[in-house]
Amino acid sequence: MTDLTAGSSSVDQIRDEYTAMTQRKRVYGGILLILFVALMAAGFRTADSRNAGGFVDGWQRVLDYPTEVLSEAWEKIAQMLAHLVTFFPALVETLNIAAAATLVGTLGGTFLALMSTRGMAVWPSLIPLFRRIADICRAIPEIVIALVLIFVLGGGPVPAMIAIALHTAGALGKLFSEVNENASLKPVEGLHSAGANWSQRMYLGVIPQVGPNYVSYALLRFEINIRASAIMGFVGAGGLGYELRNAMSWGQGRYDEAAAIFVLLFVTIVIVDQLSGFLRDCLTHGSEKGASV
């Protein structure tokens, strides 16, 4: 009888402690939510007061510019096909920038990931250094790197490609290292016992495991880099962004060209998104089927 009483009291104590812990979590969550809302409201008021205009006064005119662009593009709809043909070479340049940056960034990200993963790094003591390098590449915006490189190298696609590649290497280095941490080290240990060097261990023991995920992340990054390469054109790095900046800066009279560039960029991103999504799906499900077999 004493054991039953002691057992019920311990259960009641555990229930009370769990209830108290749940209440504390709710209180802490409520406090954090209140702080978040207060910070958002304060930040919005500060940003609104420092703008040239106010959000409350200007939100009604938010569609004025798109309306002007679309109305002028509709008036000159007969010239749309000619504009698409005219700006197609700029689209090819944008795709070339994105593809080259993705390739170089993928190679750099692979190197950083292998150098910063425990059990795979050839110099374990330098793992923190390579992680900080990836953090730096990922933290600095592409447009900042591009502005510095344009000052050194001049305008053109090369500074944009280097800037995007550096940022891609940092981002993919982080993603690839997380993939590496889930890889099995048994093949690496077996190859090491057989006398394989570091490159052979990585190529034969690690890359076959993580290869599909690497390609999947690289394709996803290629989609992002297409948008980034278009933005780079606004700072003089060539491509569709450069043509779009010129068309928008001229204002009325060339809004039809801006609309054509928007259509060209939108269609390209949709097509690349669908193709890369299909390839990622094939790689992911293909690797899963291979593993199940």
Protein backbone atom coordinates (compact mmCIF):
# COMPACT_ATOMS: atom_id res chain seq x y z
CA MET A 1 0.00 0.00 0.00
CA THR A 2 2.86 2.30 0.79
CA ASP A 3 4.45 1.61 -2.61
CA LEU A 4 1.21 2.49 -4.43
CA THR A 5 0.92 5.74 -2.51
CA ALA A 6 4.53 6.63 -3.20
CA GLY A 7 4.11 5.78 -6.88
CA SER A 8 1.00 7.94 -7.26
CA SER A 9 2.68 10.84 -5.50
CA SER A 10 5.69 10.60 -7.83
CA VAL A 11 3.35 10.59 -10.85
CA ASP A 12 1.55 13.64 -9.49
CA GLN A 13 4.88 15.36 -8.94
CA ILE A 14 5.99 14.62 -12.49
CA ARG A 15 2.66 15.90 -13.84
CA ASP A 16 2.96 19.10 -11.79
CA GLU A 17 6.52 19.67 -12.95
CA TYR A 18 5.52 19.10 -16.59
CA THR A 19 2.58 21.48 -16.23
CA ALA A 20 4.82 24.13 -14.67
CA MET A 21 7.39 23.71 -17.44
CA THR A 22 4.69 24.02 -20.10
CA GLN A 23 3.39 27.20 -18.49
CA ARG A 24 6.89 28.68 -18.34
CA LYS A 25 7.40 27.93 -22.03
CA ARG A 26 4.12 29.65 -22.87
CA VAL A 27 5.08 32.69 -20.82
CA TYR A 28 8.51 32.89 -22.46
CA GLY A 29 6.94 32.43 -25.90
CA GLY A 30 4.43 35.19 -25.21
CA ILE A 31 7.18 37.54 -24.04
CA LEU A 32 9.26 36.82 -27.15
CA LEU A 33 6.22 37.39 -29.38
CA ILE A 34 5.50 40.72 -27.72
CA LEU A 35 9.14 41.79 -28.11
CA PHE A 36 9.14 40.73 -31.75
CA VAL A 37 5.97 42.68 -32.53
CA ALA A 38 7.30 45.73 -30.66
CA LEU A 39 10.60 45.63 -32.55
CA MET A 40 8.80 45.23 -35.88
CA ALA A 41 6.51 48.16 -35.13
CA ALA A 42 9.39 50.35 -33.97
CA GLY A 43 11.49 49.44 -36.99
CA PHE A 44 8.61 50.17 -39.35
CA ARG A 45 7.98 53.56 -37.77
CA THR A 46 11.68 54.45 -37.93
CA ALA A 47 11.99 53.41 -41.58
CA ASP A 48 8.77 55.21 -42.49
CA SER A 49 9.89 58.44 -40.80
CA ARG A 50 13.28 58.42 -42.55
CA ASN A 51 11.90 57.87 -46.05
CA ALA A 52 11.36 60.78 -48.40
CA GLY A 53 7.68 59.90 -48.35
CA GLY A 54 5.49 57.89 -46.04
CA PHE A 55 4.11 54.41 -46.51
CA VAL A 56 0.63 55.43 -45.43
CA ASP A 57 0.59 58.28 -47.93
CA GLY A 58 2.29 56.41 -50.77
CA TRP A 59 0.83 52.91 -50.74
CA GLN A 60 -2.10 54.03 -52.89
CA ARG A 61 0.36 54.89 -55.69
CA VAL A 62 2.27 51.61 -55.50
CA LEU A 63 0.75 50.40 -58.80
CA ASP A 64 1.30 53.64 -60.73
CA TYR A 65 4.67 52.64 -62.21
CA PRO A 66 3.65 49.09 -63.24
CA THR A 67 0.51 50.54 -64.80
CA GLU A 68 2.56 52.98 -66.90
CA VAL A 69 4.90 50.22 -68.04
CA LEU A 70 2.11 47.81 -68.94
CA SER A 71 0.01 50.46 -70.70
CA GLU A 72 2.92 51.57 -72.89
CA ALA A 73 3.89 47.96 -73.58
CA TRP A 74 0.29 47.22 -74.62
CA GLU A 75 0.25 50.21 -76.96
CA LYS A 76 3.43 48.90 -78.63
CA ILE A 77 2.58 45.21 -78.40
CA ALA A 78 3.42 44.76 -82.08
CA GLN A 79 7.08 45.50 -81.29
CA MET A 80 7.28 42.94 -78.47
CA LEU A 81 8.66 40.11 -80.61
CA ALA A 82 11.33 42.38 -82.09
CA HIS A 83 12.39 43.47 -78.59
CA LEU A 84 12.62 39.84 -77.46
CA VAL A 85 14.92 39.06 -80.37
CA THR A 86 16.97 42.19 -79.70
CA PHE A 87 17.59 41.38 -76.04
CA PHE A 88 18.11 37.65 -76.51
CA PRO A 89 21.94 38.01 -76.71
CA ALA A 90 21.85 39.82 -73.35
CA LEU A 91 19.88 36.88 -71.95
CA VAL A 92 22.53 34.48 -73.24
CA GLU A 93 25.19 36.61 -71.52
CA THR A 94 23.22 36.49 -68.27
CA LEU A 95 22.92 32.70 -68.50
CA ASN A 96 26.64 32.40 -69.25
CA ILE A 97 27.47 34.47 -66.17
CA ALA A 98 25.21 32.35 -64.00
CA ALA A 99 26.47 29.04 -65.42
CA ALA A 100 30.17 29.94 -65.10
CA ALA A 101 29.66 31.32 -61.59
CA THR A 102 27.74 28.19 -60.56
CA LEU A 103 30.43 25.88 -61.92
CA VAL A 104 33.31 27.75 -60.26
CA GLY A 105 31.32 28.22 -57.06
CA THR A 106 30.40 24.52 -56.93
CA LEU A 107 34.04 23.51 -57.23
CA GLY A 108 35.02 26.02 -54.55
CA GLY A 109 32.14 24.96 -52.31
CA THR A 110 33.12 21.29 -52.67
CA PHE A 111 36.69 22.08 -51.65
CA LEU A 112 35.58 24.17 -48.66
CA ALA A 113 33.10 21.50 -47.58
CA LEU A 114 35.67 18.70 -47.69
CA MET A 115 38.20 20.86 -45.87
CA SER A 116 35.75 21.81 -43.11
CA THR A 117 34.13 18.44 -42.33
CA ARG A 118 35.46 16.37 -39.46
CA GLY A 119 36.72 12.96 -40.55
CA MET A 120 37.28 14.14 -44.13
CA ALA A 121 39.56 17.17 -43.86
CA VAL A 122 43.16 16.58 -44.87
CA TRP A 123 44.24 19.18 -42.27
CA PRO A 124 41.91 18.80 -39.27
CA SER A 125 43.56 21.66 -37.40
CA LEU A 126 42.55 24.07 -40.20
CA ILE A 127 38.84 23.19 -40.15
CA PRO A 128 37.89 26.44 -38.30
CA LEU A 129 39.87 28.47 -40.85
CA PHE A 130 38.07 26.99 -43.85
CA ARG A 131 34.71 27.43 -42.11
CA ARG A 132 35.45 31.11 -41.52
CA ILE A 133 36.45 31.50 -45.18
CA ALA A 134 33.08 30.05 -46.20
CA ASP A 135 31.33 32.37 -43.75
CA ILE A 136 33.09 35.41 -45.21
CA CYS A 137 32.26 34.44 -48.80
CA ARG A 138 28.64 33.89 -47.81
CA ALA A 139 28.28 37.01 -45.69
CA ILE A 140 29.42 39.63 -48.21
CA PRO A 141 26.66 40.44 -50.76
CA GLU A 142 27.45 39.77 -54.40
CA ILE A 143 26.74 43.35 -55.40
CA VAL A 144 29.36 44.66 -52.96
CA ILE A 145 32.00 42.29 -54.35
CA ALA A 146 30.98 43.23 -57.88
CA LEU A 147 31.33 46.96 -57.19
CA VAL A 148 34.86 46.43 -55.86
CA LEU A 149 35.83 44.23 -58.80
CA ILE A 150 34.34 46.65 -61.33
CA PHE A 151 36.51 49.39 -59.82
CA VAL A 152 39.56 47.14 -60.31
CA LEU A 153 38.75 45.25 -63.53
CA GLY A 154 36.26 47.60 -65.18
CA GLY A 155 32.72 46.89 -66.27
CA GLY A 156 31.72 43.63 -67.91
CA PRO A 157 30.60 40.10 -67.13
CA VAL A 158 33.87 38.95 -65.51
CA PRO A 159 33.46 40.92 -62.24
CA ALA A 160 29.86 39.71 -61.97
CA MET A 161 30.91 36.10 -62.51
CA ILE A 162 33.65 36.30 -59.87
CA ALA A 163 31.36 38.00 -57.35
CA ILE A 164 28.58 35.45 -57.78
CA ALA A 165 31.06 32.57 -57.74
CA LEU A 166 32.53 33.70 -54.42
CA HIS A 167 29.12 33.96 -52.81
CA THR A 168 28.10 30.61 -54.33
CA ALA A 169 31.22 28.93 -52.95
CA GLY A 170 30.41 30.15 -49.44
CA ALA A 171 26.75 29.13 -49.62
CA LEU A 172 27.38 25.73 -51.18
CA GLY A 173 30.31 25.11 -48.86
CA LYS A 174 27.91 25.36 -45.92
CA LEU A 175 25.28 23.15 -47.56
CA PHE A 176 27.80 20.57 -48.77
CA SER A 177 29.44 20.32 -45.34
CA GLU A 178 26.06 19.52 -43.79
CA VAL A 179 25.57 16.80 -46.42
CA ASN A 180 29.05 15.44 -45.67
CA GLU A 181 28.24 15.11 -41.98
CA ASN A 182 25.51 12.59 -42.85
CA ALA A 183 27.81 10.51 -45.04
CA SER A 184 29.20 7.21 -43.76
CA LEU A 185 32.94 7.20 -43.00
CA LYS A 186 33.30 3.43 -43.25
CA PRO A 187 34.25 3.49 -46.96
CA VAL A 188 36.79 6.22 -46.19
CA GLU A 189 38.30 4.15 -43.39
CA GLY A 190 38.40 1.08 -45.60
CA LEU A 191 40.16 2.96 -48.39
CA HIS A 192 42.58 4.46 -45.88
CA SER A 193 43.48 1.00 -44.56
CA ALA A 194 44.08 -0.13 -48.15
CA GLY A 195 46.62 2.67 -48.64
CA ALA A 196 44.52 5.18 -50.63
CA ASN A 197 45.55 8.81 -50.44
CA TRP A 198 43.21 11.65 -49.45
CA SER A 199 41.99 12.49 -52.95
CA GLN A 200 41.26 8.84 -53.67
CA ARG A 201 39.37 8.46 -50.39
CA MET A 202 37.23 11.50 -51.16
CA TYR A 203 36.63 10.59 -54.81
CA LEU A 204 35.80 6.91 -54.18
CA GLY A 205 34.42 6.96 -50.64
CA VAL A 206 32.59 10.29 -50.21
CA ILE A 207 31.59 11.74 -53.57
CA PRO A 208 29.48 8.69 -54.62
CA GLN A 209 27.43 9.10 -51.42
CA VAL A 210 26.91 12.86 -51.57
CA GLY A 211 27.06 13.40 -55.36
CA PRO A 212 23.27 13.52 -56.00
CA ASN A 213 22.76 16.01 -53.17
CA TYR A 214 25.67 18.11 -54.44
CA VAL A 215 24.15 18.30 -57.92
CA SER A 216 20.71 19.05 -56.50
CA TYR A 217 22.01 21.98 -54.46
CA ALA A 218 24.10 23.20 -57.41
CA LEU A 219 21.04 23.25 -59.68
CA LEU A 220 19.08 25.15 -57.06
CA ARG A 221 21.94 27.62 -56.79
CA PHE A 222 21.97 28.03 -60.58
CA GLU A 223 18.39 29.32 -60.43
CA ILE A 224 19.41 31.83 -57.75
CA ASN A 225 22.48 32.90 -59.74
CA ILE A 226 20.36 33.72 -62.80
CA ARG A 227 18.48 36.28 -60.73
CA ALA A 228 21.73 37.49 -59.17
CA SER A 229 23.40 37.92 -62.57
CA ALA A 230 20.43 40.00 -63.73
CA ILE A 231 20.79 42.22 -60.67
CA MET A 232 24.52 42.57 -61.31
CA GLY A 233 23.68 44.32 -64.56
CA PHE A 234 22.38 47.31 -62.60
CA VAL A 235 25.95 48.07 -61.48
CA GLY A 236 27.38 47.80 -64.99
CA ALA A 237 28.17 44.08 -65.12
CA GLY A 238 26.38 43.43 -68.42
CA GLY A 239 23.58 41.06 -69.28
CA LEU A 240 19.84 41.63 -69.08
CA GLY A 241 20.18 43.74 -65.96
CA TYR A 242 22.27 46.30 -67.80
CA GLU A 243 19.70 46.56 -70.59
CA LEU A 244 16.89 46.77 -68.07
CA ARG A 245 18.58 49.58 -66.19
CA ASN A 246 19.02 51.55 -69.41
CA ALA A 247 15.41 51.01 -70.43
CA MET A 248 14.06 52.02 -67.02
CA SER A 249 16.34 55.04 -66.69
CA TRP A 250 15.11 56.50 -69.98
CA GLY A 251 11.57 56.43 -68.62
CA GLN A 252 8.52 56.85 -70.81
CA GLY A 253 9.15 55.98 -74.43
CA ARG A 254 11.17 52.86 -73.61
CA TYR A 255 8.89 51.16 -71.12
CA ASP A 256 7.97 48.66 -73.83
CA GLU A 257 11.60 47.53 -73.87
CA ALA A 258 11.58 47.17 -70.08
CA ALA A 259 8.42 45.06 -70.31
CA ALA A 260 10.03 42.83 -72.95
CA ILE A 261 13.06 42.31 -70.74
CA PHE A 262 10.81 41.44 -67.80
CA VAL A 263 8.95 38.90 -69.93
CA LEU A 264 12.19 37.39 -71.22
CA LEU A 265 13.66 37.10 -67.73
CA PHE A 266 10.46 35.70 -66.25
CA VAL A 267 10.05 33.04 -68.93
CA THR A 268 13.71 32.03 -68.62
CA ILE A 269 13.51 31.68 -64.83
CA VAL A 270 10.33 29.60 -65.12
CA ILE A 271 11.89 27.29 -67.71
CA VAL A 272 15.13 26.87 -65.75
CA ASP A 273 13.16 26.31 -62.56
CA GLN A 274 11.11 23.55 -64.17
CA LEU A 275 14.13 21.86 -65.77
CA SER A 276 16.28 22.01 -62.65
CA GLY A 277 13.36 20.82 -60.52
CA PHE A 278 12.90 17.85 -62.86
CA LEU A 279 16.61 17.02 -62.73
CA ARG A 280 16.70 17.33 -58.94
CA ASP A 281 13.70 15.05 -58.67
CA CYS A 282 15.34 12.47 -60.93
CA LEU A 283 18.59 12.61 -58.96
CA THR A 284 16.89 12.37 -55.57
CA HIS A 285 14.51 9.56 -56.46
CA GLY A 286 17.14 7.84 -58.53
CA SER A 287 19.54 7.77 -55.59
CA GLU A 288 16.75 6.56 -53.28
CA LYS A 289 15.85 3.73 -55.69
CA GLY A 290 19.49 2.79 -56.02
CA ALA A 291 19.89 2.71 -52.25
CA SER A 292 16.74 0.61 -51.81
CA VAL A 293 17.96 -1.91 -54.39
